[in-house]
């Protein structure tokens, strides 16, 4: 039986790690930027906007949807995708508060 070591960390850190993992690929970041520019749901082929195959883009969409950053609703043979702006706003606050909690000493030098 494989034991996950993520269980050794508190739920807040696990949630942050899951969010950061969802954002940890340039294709996913580009999908989010593309959907943000649209300012509405789209039902077109997002893979036309990326230098990746449709199958690969669909895998990235699945990860973003799993993280709650995007919504996808089926309409006939197409899926409409859009950002979940409430989750995006929460994510901005999570990232901001996480980084603000890291204090960098004055005169920091390596």
PDB file of N, CA and C in Angstrom:
ATOM      1  N   UNK A   1       0.837  -1.180   0.000  1.00  0.00           N
ATOM      2  CA  UNK A   1       0.000   0.000   0.000  1.00  0.00           C
ATOM      3  C   UNK A   1       0.884   1.245   0.000  1.00  0.00           C
ATOM      4  N   UNK A   2       0.625   2.159  -0.904  1.00  0.00           N
ATOM      5  CA  UNK A   2       1.392   3.392  -1.009  1.00  0.00           C
ATOM      6  C   UNK A   2       0.740   4.453  -0.120  1.00  0.00           C
ATOM      7  N   UNK A   3       1.540   5.073   0.723  1.00  0.00           N
ATOM      8  CA  UNK A   3       1.046   6.115   1.607  1.00  0.00           C
ATOM      9  C   UNK A   3       1.471   7.462   1.046  1.00  0.00           C
ATOM     10  N   UNK A   4       0.519   8.361   0.913  1.00  0.00           N
ATOM     11  CA  UNK A   4       0.816   9.694   0.396  1.00  0.00           C
ATOM     12  C   UNK A   4       1.402  10.555   1.510  1.00  0.00           C
ATOM     13  N   UNK A   5       2.486  11.212   1.199  1.00  0.00           N
ATOM     14  CA  UNK A   5       3.127  12.067   2.193  1.00  0.00           C
ATOM     15  C   UNK A   5       2.466  13.437   2.271  1.00  0.00           C
ATOM     16  N   UNK A   6       1.588  13.760   1.308  1.00  0.00           N
ATOM     17  CA  UNK A   6       0.910  15.056   1.380  1.00  0.00           C
ATOM     18  C   UNK A   6       0.019  15.126   2.613  1.00  0.00           C
ATOM     19  N   UNK A   7      -0.428  13.982   3.105  1.00  0.00           N
ATOM     20  CA  UNK A   7      -1.249  13.946   4.314  1.00  0.00           C
ATOM     21  C   UNK A   7      -0.509  14.409   5.557  1.00  0.00           C
ATOM     22  N   UNK A   8       0.811  14.533   5.463  1.00  0.00           N
ATOM     23  CA  UNK A   8       1.602  15.002   6.600  1.00  0.00           C
ATOM     24  C   UNK A   8       1.509  16.520   6.775  1.00  0.00           C
ATOM     25  N   UNK A   9       0.907  17.200   5.793  1.00  0.00           N
ATOM     26  CA  UNK A   9       0.834  18.661   5.814  1.00  0.00           C
ATOM     27  C   UNK A   9      -0.600  19.099   6.050  1.00  0.00           C
ATOM     28  N   UNK A  10      -0.745  20.302   6.615  1.00  0.00           N
ATOM     29  CA  UNK A  10      -2.099  20.757   6.922  1.00  0.00           C
ATOM     30  C   UNK A  10      -2.899  21.010   5.640  1.00  0.00           C
ATOM     31  N   UNK A  11      -4.215  21.018   5.789  1.00  0.00           N
ATOM     32  CA  UNK A  11      -5.111  21.128   4.643  1.00  0.00           C
ATOM     33  C   UNK A  11      -4.893  22.417   3.870  1.00  0.00           C
ATOM     34  N   UNK A  12      -4.573  23.503   4.554  1.00  0.00           N
ATOM     35  CA  UNK A  12      -4.327  24.772   3.877  1.00  0.00           C
ATOM     36  C   UNK A  12      -3.166  24.677   2.890  1.00  0.00           C
ATOM     37  N   UNK A  13      -2.075  24.050   3.324  1.00  0.00           N
ATOM     38  CA  UNK A  13      -0.931  23.870   2.430  1.00  0.00           C
ATOM     39  C   UNK A  13      -1.255  22.906   1.296  1.00  0.00           C
ATOM     40  N   UNK A  14      -2.021  21.870   1.586  1.00  0.00           N
ATOM     41  CA  UNK A  14      -2.416  20.935   0.533  1.00  0.00           C
ATOM     42  C   UNK A  14      -3.273  21.635  -0.523  1.00  0.00           C
ATOM     43  N   UNK A  15      -4.212  22.486  -0.083  1.00  0.00           N
ATOM     44  CA  UNK A  15      -5.064  23.223  -1.019  1.00  0.00           C
ATOM     45  C   UNK A  15      -4.233  24.172  -1.880  1.00  0.00           C
ATOM     46  N   UNK A  16      -3.282  24.853  -1.247  1.00  0.00           N
ATOM     47  CA  UNK A  16      -2.400  25.761  -1.998  1.00  0.00           C
ATOM     48  C   UNK A  16      -1.584  24.980  -3.028  1.00  0.00           C
ATOM     49  N   UNK A  17      -1.041  23.848  -2.613  1.00  0.00           N
ATOM     50  CA  UNK A  17      -0.233  23.036  -3.518  1.00  0.00           C
ATOM     51  C   UNK A  17      -1.056  22.563  -4.712  1.00  0.00           C
ATOM     52  N   UNK A  18      -2.308  22.181  -4.483  1.00  0.00           N
ATOM     53  CA  UNK A  18      -3.174  21.748  -5.579  1.00  0.00           C
ATOM     54  C   UNK A  18      -3.450  22.889  -6.546  1.00  0.00           C
ATOM     55  N   UNK A  19      -3.669  24.083  -6.025  1.00  0.00           N
ATOM     56  CA  UNK A  19      -3.880  25.250  -6.874  1.00  0.00           C
ATOM     57  C   UNK A  19      -2.615  25.542  -7.678  1.00  0.00           C
ATOM     58  N   UNK A  20      -1.478  25.590  -7.005  1.00  0.00           N
ATOM     59  CA  UNK A  20      -0.218  25.906  -7.680  1.00  0.00           C
ATOM     60  C   UNK A  20       0.109  24.838  -8.729  1.00  0.00           C
ATOM     61  N   UNK A  21      -0.220  23.585  -8.440  1.00  0.00           N
ATOM     62  CA  UNK A  21       0.014  22.502  -9.408  1.00  0.00           C
ATOM     63  C   UNK A  21      -0.836  22.730 -10.660  1.00  0.00           C
ATOM     64  N   UNK A  22      -2.079  23.152 -10.472  1.00  0.00           N
ATOM     65  CA  UNK A  22      -2.956  23.409 -11.619  1.00  0.00           C
ATOM     66  C   UNK A  22      -2.421  24.548 -12.470  1.00  0.00           C
ATOM     67  N   UNK A  23      -1.707  25.474 -11.860  1.00  0.00           N
ATOM     68  CA  UNK A  23      -1.168  26.633 -12.582  1.00  0.00           C
ATOM     69  C   UNK A  23       0.253  26.403 -13.087  1.00  0.00           C
ATOM     70  N   UNK A  24       0.806  25.237 -12.806  1.00  0.00           N
ATOM     71  CA  UNK A  24       2.225  24.990 -13.048  1.00  0.00           C
ATOM     72  C   UNK A  24       2.557  24.503 -14.452  1.00  0.00           C
ATOM     73  N   UNK A  25       1.790  24.928 -15.436  1.00  0.00           N
ATOM     74  CA  UNK A  25       2.119  24.567 -16.819  1.00  0.00           C
ATOM     75  C   UNK A  25       1.783  25.752 -17.714  1.00  0.00           C
ATOM     76  N   UNK A  26       2.688  26.117 -18.614  1.00  0.00           N
ATOM     77  CA  UNK A  26       2.439  27.285 -19.463  1.00  0.00           C
ATOM     78  C   UNK A  26       1.178  27.160 -20.314  1.00  0.00           C
ATOM     79  N   UNK A  27       0.818  25.955 -20.716  1.00  0.00           N
ATOM     80  CA  UNK A  27      -0.407  25.786 -21.510  1.00  0.00           C
ATOM     81  C   UNK A  27      -1.632  26.159 -20.685  1.00  0.00           C
ATOM     82  N   UNK A  28      -1.635  25.777 -19.419  1.00  0.00           N
ATOM     83  CA  UNK A  28      -2.777  26.104 -18.554  1.00  0.00           C
ATOM     84  C   UNK A  28      -2.853  27.602 -18.311  1.00  0.00           C
ATOM     85  N   UNK A  29      -1.698  28.228 -18.136  1.00  0.00           N
ATOM     86  CA  UNK A  29      -1.683  29.674 -17.966  1.00  0.00           C
ATOM     87  C   UNK A  29      -2.206  30.369 -19.220  1.00  0.00           C
ATOM     88  N   UNK A  30      -1.822  29.862 -20.383  1.00  0.00           N
ATOM     89  CA  UNK A  30      -2.288  30.467 -21.629  1.00  0.00           C
ATOM     90  C   UNK A  30      -3.797  30.253 -21.806  1.00  0.00           C
ATOM     91  N   UNK A  31      -4.301  29.109 -21.414  1.00  0.00           N
ATOM     92  CA  UNK A  31      -5.746  28.867 -21.480  1.00  0.00           C
ATOM     93  C   UNK A  31      -6.481  29.864 -20.602  1.00  0.00           C
ATOM     94  N   UNK A  32      -5.977  30.076 -19.392  1.00  0.00           N
ATOM     95  CA  UNK A  32      -6.614  31.036 -18.483  1.00  0.00           C
ATOM     96  C   UNK A  32      -6.571  32.436 -19.079  1.00  0.00           C
ATOM     97  N   UNK A  33      -5.431  32.833 -19.631  1.00  0.00           N
ATOM     98  CA  UNK A  33      -5.329  34.154 -20.257  1.00  0.00           C
ATOM     99  C   UNK A  33      -6.294  34.280 -21.431  1.00  0.00           C
ATOM    100  N   UNK A  34      -6.389  33.255 -22.244  1.00  0.00           N
ATOM    101  CA  UNK A  34      -7.284  33.275 -23.397  1.00  0.00           C
ATOM    102  C   UNK A  34      -8.735  33.438 -22.944  1.00  0.00           C
ATOM    103  N   UNK A  35      -9.151  32.643 -21.952  1.00  0.00           N
ATOM    104  CA  UNK A  35     -10.525  32.737 -21.471  1.00  0.00           C
ATOM    105  C   UNK A  35     -10.798  34.091 -20.826  1.00  0.00           C
ATOM    106  N   UNK A  36      -9.804  34.646 -20.145  1.00  0.00           N
ATOM    107  CA  UNK A  36      -9.978  35.962 -19.513  1.00  0.00           C
ATOM    108  C   UNK A  36     -10.175  37.040 -20.576  1.00  0.00           C
ATOM    109  N   UNK A  37      -9.459  36.950 -21.686  1.00  0.00           N
ATOM    110  CA  UNK A  37      -9.602  37.937 -22.769  1.00  0.00           C
ATOM    111  C   UNK A  37     -10.969  37.862 -23.425  1.00  0.00           C
ATOM    112  N   UNK A  38     -11.564  36.675 -23.445  1.00  0.00           N
ATOM    113  CA  UNK A  38     -12.862  36.495 -24.096  1.00  0.00           C
ATOM    114  C   UNK A  38     -13.977  37.197 -23.326  1.00  0.00           C
ATOM    115  N   UNK A  39     -13.808  37.303 -22.007  1.00  0.00           N
ATOM    116  CA  UNK A  39     -14.793  37.938 -21.129  1.00  0.00           C
ATOM    117  C   UNK A  39     -16.183  37.292 -21.219  1.00  0.00           C
ATOM    118  N   UNK A  40     -16.236  36.078 -21.738  1.00  0.00           N
ATOM    119  CA  UNK A  40     -17.484  35.315 -21.788  1.00  0.00           C
ATOM    120  C   UNK A  40     -17.122  33.857 -22.031  1.00  0.00           C
ATOM    121  N   UNK A  41     -18.112  32.998 -21.961  1.00  0.00           N
ATOM    122  CA  UNK A  41     -17.873  31.587 -22.259  1.00  0.00           C
ATOM    123  C   UNK A  41     -17.646  31.416 -23.754  1.00  0.00           C
ATOM    124  N   UNK A  42     -16.806  30.455 -24.100  1.00  0.00           N
ATOM    125  CA  UNK A  42     -16.568  30.174 -25.515  1.00  0.00           C
ATOM    126  C   UNK A  42     -16.878  28.710 -25.781  1.00  0.00           C
ATOM    127  N   UNK A  43     -17.296  28.430 -26.995  1.00  0.00           N
ATOM    128  CA  UNK A  43     -17.588  27.045 -27.349  1.00  0.00           C
ATOM    129  C   UNK A  43     -16.721  26.578 -28.507  1.00  0.00           C
ATOM    130  N   UNK A  44     -15.742  27.387 -28.876  1.00  0.00           N
ATOM    131  CA  UNK A  44     -14.853  27.013 -29.963  1.00  0.00           C
ATOM    132  C   UNK A  44     -13.790  26.033 -29.516  1.00  0.00           C
ATOM    133  N   UNK A  45     -12.906  25.730 -30.429  1.00  0.00           N
ATOM    134  CA  UNK A  45     -11.820  24.799 -30.167  1.00  0.00           C
ATOM    135  C   UNK A  45     -10.632  25.583 -29.608  1.00  0.00           C
ATOM    136  N   UNK A  46     -10.412  25.480 -28.321  1.00  0.00           N
ATOM    137  CA  UNK A  46      -9.328  26.211 -27.667  1.00  0.00           C
ATOM    138  C   UNK A  46      -7.972  25.743 -28.190  1.00  0.00           C
ATOM    139  N   UNK A  47      -7.898  24.516 -28.681  1.00  0.00           N
ATOM    140  CA  UNK A  47      -6.609  24.000 -29.166  1.00  0.00           C
ATOM    141  C   UNK A  47      -6.093  24.807 -30.351  1.00  0.00           C
ATOM    142  N   UNK A  48      -6.972  25.546 -31.038  1.00  0.00           N
ATOM    143  CA  UNK A  48      -6.522  26.403 -32.132  1.00  0.00           C
ATOM    144  C   UNK A  48      -5.687  27.578 -31.621  1.00  0.00           C
ATOM    145  N   UNK A  49      -5.797  27.867 -30.335  1.00  0.00           N
ATOM    146  CA  UNK A  49      -5.078  28.982 -29.720  1.00  0.00           C
ATOM    147  C   UNK A  49      -3.733  28.574 -29.134  1.00  0.00           C
ATOM    148  N   UNK A  50      -3.461  27.270 -29.117  1.00  0.00           N
ATOM    149  CA  UNK A  50      -2.249  26.755 -28.481  1.00  0.00           C
ATOM    150  C   UNK A  50      -1.462  25.883 -29.460  1.00  0.00           C
ATOM    151  N   UNK A  51      -0.159  25.814 -29.259  1.00  0.00           N
ATOM    152  CA  UNK A  51       0.666  24.973 -30.133  1.00  0.00           C
ATOM    153  C   UNK A  51       0.680  23.508 -29.683  1.00  0.00           C
ATOM    154  N   UNK A  52      -0.503  23.000 -29.306  1.00  0.00           N
ATOM    155  CA  UNK A  52      -0.617  21.640 -28.789  1.00  0.00           C
ATOM    156  C   UNK A  52      -1.776  20.931 -29.469  1.00  0.00           C
ATOM    157  N   UNK A  53      -1.770  19.618 -29.409  1.00  0.00           N
ATOM    158  CA  UNK A  53      -2.865  18.848 -29.993  1.00  0.00           C
ATOM    159  C   UNK A  53      -4.144  19.035 -29.178  1.00  0.00           C
ATOM    160  N   UNK A  54      -5.248  18.756 -29.804  1.00  0.00           N
ATOM    161  CA  UNK A  54      -6.560  18.867 -29.136  1.00  0.00           C
ATOM    162  C   UNK A  54      -6.613  17.969 -27.904  1.00  0.00           C
ATOM    163  N   UNK A  55      -6.057  16.761 -28.015  1.00  0.00           N
ATOM    164  CA  UNK A  55      -6.061  15.823 -26.885  1.00  0.00           C
ATOM    165  C   UNK A  55      -5.285  16.391 -25.705  1.00  0.00           C
ATOM    166  N   UNK A  56      -4.122  16.972 -25.982  1.00  0.00           N
ATOM    167  CA  UNK A  56      -3.297  17.552 -24.918  1.00  0.00           C
ATOM    168  C   UNK A  56      -4.011  18.747 -24.284  1.00  0.00           C
ATOM    169  N   UNK A  57      -4.605  19.595 -25.097  1.00  0.00           N
ATOM    170  CA  UNK A  57      -5.345  20.753 -24.575  1.00  0.00           C
ATOM    171  C   UNK A  57      -6.503  20.270 -23.707  1.00  0.00           C
ATOM    172  N   UNK A  58      -7.196  19.231 -24.138  1.00  0.00           N
ATOM    173  CA  UNK A  58      -8.301  18.704 -23.336  1.00  0.00           C
ATOM    174  C   UNK A  58      -7.830  18.192 -21.980  1.00  0.00           C
ATOM    175  N   UNK A  59      -6.627  17.615 -21.932  1.00  0.00           N
ATOM    176  CA  UNK A  59      -6.080  17.170 -20.645  1.00  0.00           C
ATOM    177  C   UNK A  59      -5.821  18.369 -19.733  1.00  0.00           C
ATOM    178  N   UNK A  60      -5.302  19.463 -20.304  1.00  0.00           N
ATOM    179  CA  UNK A  60      -5.055  20.663 -19.513  1.00  0.00           C
ATOM    180  C   UNK A  60      -6.372  21.294 -19.055  1.00  0.00           C
ATOM    181  N   UNK A  61      -7.365  21.303 -19.923  1.00  0.00           N
ATOM    182  CA  UNK A  61      -8.689  21.818 -19.542  1.00  0.00           C
ATOM    183  C   UNK A  61      -9.257  21.003 -18.380  1.00  0.00           C
ATOM    184  N   UNK A  62      -9.060  19.696 -18.432  1.00  0.00           N
ATOM    185  CA  UNK A  62      -9.544  18.815 -17.360  1.00  0.00           C
ATOM    186  C   UNK A  62      -8.896  19.181 -16.024  1.00  0.00           C
ATOM    187  N   UNK A  63      -7.587  19.448 -16.034  1.00  0.00           N
ATOM    188  CA  UNK A  63      -6.887  19.822 -14.801  1.00  0.00           C
ATOM    189  C   UNK A  63      -7.384  21.172 -14.264  1.00  0.00           C
ATOM    190  N   UNK A  64      -7.598  22.118 -15.158  1.00  0.00           N
ATOM    191  CA  UNK A  64      -8.096  23.427 -14.734  1.00  0.00           C
ATOM    192  C   UNK A  64      -9.513  23.317 -14.192  1.00  0.00           C
ATOM    193  N   UNK A  65     -10.302  22.468 -14.805  1.00  0.00           N
ATOM    194  CA  UNK A  65     -11.675  22.256 -14.338  1.00  0.00           C
ATOM    195  C   UNK A  65     -11.665  21.569 -12.969  1.00  0.00           C
ATOM    196  N   UNK A  66     -10.781  20.574 -12.811  1.00  0.00           N
ATOM    197  CA  UNK A  66     -10.661  19.867 -11.530  1.00  0.00           C
ATOM    198  C   UNK A  66     -10.278  20.841 -10.408  1.00  0.00           C
ATOM    199  N   UNK A  67      -9.443  21.814 -10.736  1.00  0.00           N
ATOM    200  CA  UNK A  67      -9.030  22.818  -9.747  1.00  0.00           C
ATOM    201  C   UNK A  67     -10.113  23.865  -9.522  1.00  0.00           C
ATOM    202  N   UNK A  68     -11.156  23.838 -10.355  1.00  0.00           N
ATOM    203  CA  UNK A  68     -12.252  24.783 -10.192  1.00  0.00           C
ATOM    204  C   UNK A  68     -12.027  26.124 -10.870  1.00  0.00           C
ATOM    205  N   UNK A  69     -10.896  26.284 -11.546  1.00  0.00           N
ATOM    206  CA  UNK A  69     -10.582  27.572 -12.167  1.00  0.00           C
ATOM    207  C   UNK A  69     -11.441  27.862 -13.388  1.00  0.00           C
ATOM    208  N   UNK A  70     -11.881  26.799 -14.068  1.00  0.00           N
ATOM    209  CA  UNK A  70     -12.762  26.984 -15.224  1.00  0.00           C
ATOM    210  C   UNK A  70     -13.996  26.111 -15.059  1.00  0.00           C
ATOM    211  N   UNK A  71     -15.022  26.504 -15.780  1.00  0.00           N
ATOM    212  CA  UNK A  71     -16.244  25.718 -15.837  1.00  0.00           C
ATOM    213  C   UNK A  71     -16.408  25.241 -17.269  1.00  0.00           C
ATOM    214  N   UNK A  72     -16.937  24.064 -17.430  1.00  0.00           N
ATOM    215  CA  UNK A  72     -17.217  23.535 -18.755  1.00  0.00           C
ATOM    216  C   UNK A  72     -18.591  22.902 -18.760  1.00  0.00           C
ATOM    217  N   UNK A  73     -19.466  23.407 -19.605  1.00  0.00           N
ATOM    218  CA  UNK A  73     -20.803  22.848 -19.707  1.00  0.00           C
ATOM    219  C   UNK A  73     -21.029  22.351 -21.129  1.00  0.00           C
ATOM    220  N   UNK A  74     -21.625  21.188 -21.239  1.00  0.00           N
ATOM    221  CA  UNK A  74     -21.868  20.587 -22.539  1.00  0.00           C
ATOM    222  C   UNK A  74     -23.111  21.204 -23.150  1.00  0.00           C
ATOM    223  N   UNK A  75     -22.966  21.591 -24.415  1.00  0.00           N
ATOM    224  CA  UNK A  75     -24.077  22.163 -25.179  1.00  0.00           C
ATOM    225  C   UNK A  75     -24.081  21.474 -26.539  1.00  0.00           C
ATOM    226  N   UNK A  76     -24.924  20.460 -26.673  1.00  0.00           N
ATOM    227  CA  UNK A  76     -24.918  19.680 -27.915  1.00  0.00           C
ATOM    228  C   UNK A  76     -23.640  18.871 -28.015  1.00  0.00           C
ATOM    229  N   UNK A  77     -22.910  19.064 -29.124  1.00  0.00           N
ATOM    230  CA  UNK A  77     -21.663  18.335 -29.311  1.00  0.00           C
ATOM    231  C   UNK A  77     -20.456  19.144 -28.841  1.00  0.00           C
ATOM    232  N   UNK A  78     -20.673  20.373 -28.400  1.00  0.00           N
ATOM    233  CA  UNK A  78     -19.577  21.245 -27.964  1.00  0.00           C
ATOM    234  C   UNK A  78     -19.634  21.455 -26.454  1.00  0.00           C
ATOM    235  N   UNK A  79     -18.500  21.842 -25.917  1.00  0.00           N
ATOM    236  CA  UNK A  79     -18.423  22.209 -24.509  1.00  0.00           C
ATOM    237  C   UNK A  79     -18.114  23.689 -24.425  1.00  0.00           C
ATOM    238  N   UNK A  80     -18.888  24.399 -23.623  1.00  0.00           N
ATOM    239  CA  UNK A  80     -18.655  25.822 -23.389  1.00  0.00           C
ATOM    240  C   UNK A  80     -17.736  25.960 -22.188  1.00  0.00           C
ATOM    241  N   UNK A  81     -16.646  26.702 -22.363  1.00  0.00           N
ATOM    242  CA  UNK A  81     -15.691  26.916 -21.285  1.00  0.00           C
ATOM    243  C   UNK A  81     -15.661  28.385 -20.900  1.00  0.00           C
ATOM    244  N   UNK A  82     -15.537  28.622 -19.601  1.00  0.00           N
ATOM    245  CA  UNK A  82     -15.332  29.983 -19.121  1.00  0.00           C
ATOM    246  C   UNK A  82     -14.640  29.915 -17.762  1.00  0.00           C
ATOM    247  N   UNK A  83     -14.054  31.034 -17.389  1.00  0.00           N
ATOM    248  CA  UNK A  83     -13.412  31.114 -16.083  1.00  0.00           C
ATOM    249  C   UNK A  83     -14.473  31.137 -14.994  1.00  0.00           C
ATOM    250  N   UNK A  84     -14.148  30.573 -13.863  1.00  0.00           N
ATOM    251  CA  UNK A  84     -14.979  30.746 -12.679  1.00  0.00           C
ATOM    252  C   UNK A  84     -14.351  31.914 -11.935  1.00  0.00           C
ATOM    253  N   UNK A  85     -14.909  33.100 -12.153  1.00  0.00           N
ATOM    254  CA  UNK A  85     -14.290  34.314 -11.642  1.00  0.00           C
ATOM    255  C   UNK A  85     -14.192  34.335 -10.121  1.00  0.00           C
ATOM    256  N   UNK A  86     -15.126  33.705  -9.428  1.00  0.00           N
ATOM    257  CA  UNK A  86     -15.051  33.653  -7.960  1.00  0.00           C
ATOM    258  C   UNK A  86     -13.832  32.840  -7.526  1.00  0.00           C
ATOM    259  N   UNK A  87     -13.589  31.720  -8.186  1.00  0.00           N
ATOM    260  CA  UNK A  87     -12.432  30.879  -7.850  1.00  0.00           C
ATOM    261  C   UNK A  87     -11.139  31.583  -8.250  1.00  0.00           C
ATOM    262  N   UNK A  88     -11.149  32.273  -9.393  1.00  0.00           N
ATOM    263  CA  UNK A  88      -9.961  33.017  -9.813  1.00  0.00           C
ATOM    264  C   UNK A  88      -9.635  34.102  -8.792  1.00  0.00           C
ATOM    265  N   UNK A  89     -10.653  34.807  -8.318  1.00  0.00           N
ATOM    266  CA  UNK A  89     -10.428  35.852  -7.307  1.00  0.00           C
ATOM    267  C   UNK A  89      -9.886  35.244  -6.020  1.00  0.00           C
ATOM    268  N   UNK A  90     -10.472  34.140  -5.580  1.00  0.00           N
ATOM    269  CA  UNK A  90      -9.972  33.458  -4.379  1.00  0.00           C
ATOM    270  C   UNK A  90      -8.520  33.019  -4.581  1.00  0.00           C
ATOM    271  N   UNK A  91      -8.209  32.530  -5.777  1.00  0.00           N
ATOM    272  CA  UNK A  91      -6.850  32.074  -6.075  1.00  0.00           C
ATOM    273  C   UNK A  91      -5.857  33.217  -6.033  1.00  0.00           C
ATOM    274  N   UNK A  92      -6.268  34.380  -6.533  1.00  0.00           N
ATOM    275  CA  UNK A  92      -5.406  35.558  -6.470  1.00  0.00           C
ATOM    276  C   UNK A  92      -5.096  35.910  -5.022  1.00  0.00           C
ATOM    277  N   UNK A  93      -6.109  35.838  -4.172  1.00  0.00           N
ATOM    278  CA  UNK A  93      -5.919  36.159  -2.750  1.00  0.00           C
ATOM    279  C   UNK A  93      -5.045  35.114  -2.060  1.00  0.00           C
ATOM    280  N   UNK A  94      -5.225  33.850  -2.404  1.00  0.00           N
ATOM    281  CA  UNK A  94      -4.405  32.777  -1.820  1.00  0.00           C
ATOM    282  C   UNK A  94      -2.944  32.965  -2.189  1.00  0.00           C
ATOM    283  N   UNK A  95      -2.684  33.201  -3.477  1.00  0.00           N
ATOM    284  CA  UNK A  95      -1.304  33.390  -3.939  1.00  0.00           C
ATOM    285  C   UNK A  95      -0.684  34.623  -3.304  1.00  0.00           C
ATOM    286  N   UNK A  96      -1.441  35.706  -3.275  1.00  0.00           N
ATOM    287  CA  UNK A  96      -0.939  36.954  -2.704  1.00  0.00           C
ATOM    288  C   UNK A  96      -0.607  36.789  -1.216  1.00  0.00           C
ATOM    289  N   UNK A  97      -1.524  36.197  -0.461  1.00  0.00           N
ATOM    290  CA  UNK A  97      -1.278  36.042   0.979  1.00  0.00           C
ATOM    291  C   UNK A  97      -0.126  35.079   1.240  1.00  0.00           C
ATOM    292  N   UNK A  98       0.010  34.057   0.409  1.00  0.00           N
ATOM    293  CA  UNK A  98       1.119  33.116   0.575  1.00  0.00           C
ATOM    294  C   UNK A  98       2.447  33.829   0.382  1.00  0.00           C
ATOM    295  N   UNK A  99       2.568  34.596  -0.695  1.00  0.00           N
ATOM    296  CA  UNK A  99       3.825  35.296  -0.983  1.00  0.00           C
ATOM    297  C   UNK A  99       4.099  36.414   0.018  1.00  0.00           C
ATOM    298  N   UNK A 100       3.045  37.095   0.466  1.00  0.00           N
ATOM    299  CA  UNK A 100       3.232  38.144   1.467  1.00  0.00           C
ATOM    300  C   UNK A 100       3.707  37.576   2.798  1.00  0.00           C
ATOM    301  N   UNK A 101       3.403  36.309   3.061  1.00  0.00           N
ATOM    302  CA  UNK A 101       3.821  35.663   4.303  1.00  0.00           C
ATOM    303  C   UNK A 101       5.280  35.243   4.310  1.00  0.00           C
ATOM    304  N   UNK A 102       5.950  35.396   3.188  1.00  0.00           N
ATOM    305  CA  UNK A 102       7.369  35.053   3.111  1.00  0.00           C
ATOM    306  C   UNK A 102       8.165  36.340   3.266  1.00  0.00           C
ATOM    307  N   UNK A 103       8.810  36.455   4.393  1.00  0.00           N
ATOM    308  CA  UNK A 103       9.569  37.676   4.652  1.00  0.00           C
ATOM    309  C   UNK A 103      10.986  37.532   4.121  1.00  0.00           C
ATOM    310  N   UNK A 104      11.397  38.527   3.374  1.00  0.00           N
ATOM    311  CA  UNK A 104      12.752  38.557   2.836  1.00  0.00           C
ATOM    312  C   UNK A 104      13.554  39.527   3.701  1.00  0.00           C
ATOM    313  N   UNK A 105      14.642  39.039   4.290  1.00  0.00           N
ATOM    314  CA  UNK A 105      15.425  39.913   5.168  1.00  0.00           C
ATOM    315  C   UNK A 105      16.025  41.100   4.408  1.00  0.00           C
ATOM    316  N   UNK A 106      16.144  42.225   5.111  1.00  0.00           N
ATOM    317  CA  UNK A 106      16.815  43.376   4.510  1.00  0.00           C
ATOM    318  C   UNK A 106      18.261  42.993   4.257  1.00  0.00           C
ATOM    319  N   UNK A 107      18.821  43.558   3.221  1.00  0.00           N
ATOM    320  CA  UNK A 107      20.203  43.258   2.836  1.00  0.00           C
ATOM    321  C   UNK A 107      20.416  41.790   2.541  1.00  0.00           C
ATOM    322  N   UNK A 108      19.369  41.144   2.008  1.00  0.00           N
ATOM    323  CA  UNK A 108      19.448  39.735   1.675  1.00  0.00           C
ATOM    324  C   UNK A 108      20.523  39.514   0.597  1.00  0.00           C
ATOM    325  N   UNK A 109      21.345  38.547   0.838  1.00  0.00           N
ATOM    326  CA  UNK A 109      22.428  38.260  -0.094  1.00  0.00           C
ATOM    327  C   UNK A 109      22.732  36.764  -0.074  1.00  0.00           C
ATOM    328  N   UNK A 110      22.941  36.215  -1.238  1.00  0.00           N
ATOM    329  CA  UNK A 110      23.365  34.804  -1.322  1.00  0.00           C
ATOM    330  C   UNK A 110      24.743  34.748  -1.936  1.00  0.00           C
TER     331      UNK A 110
END
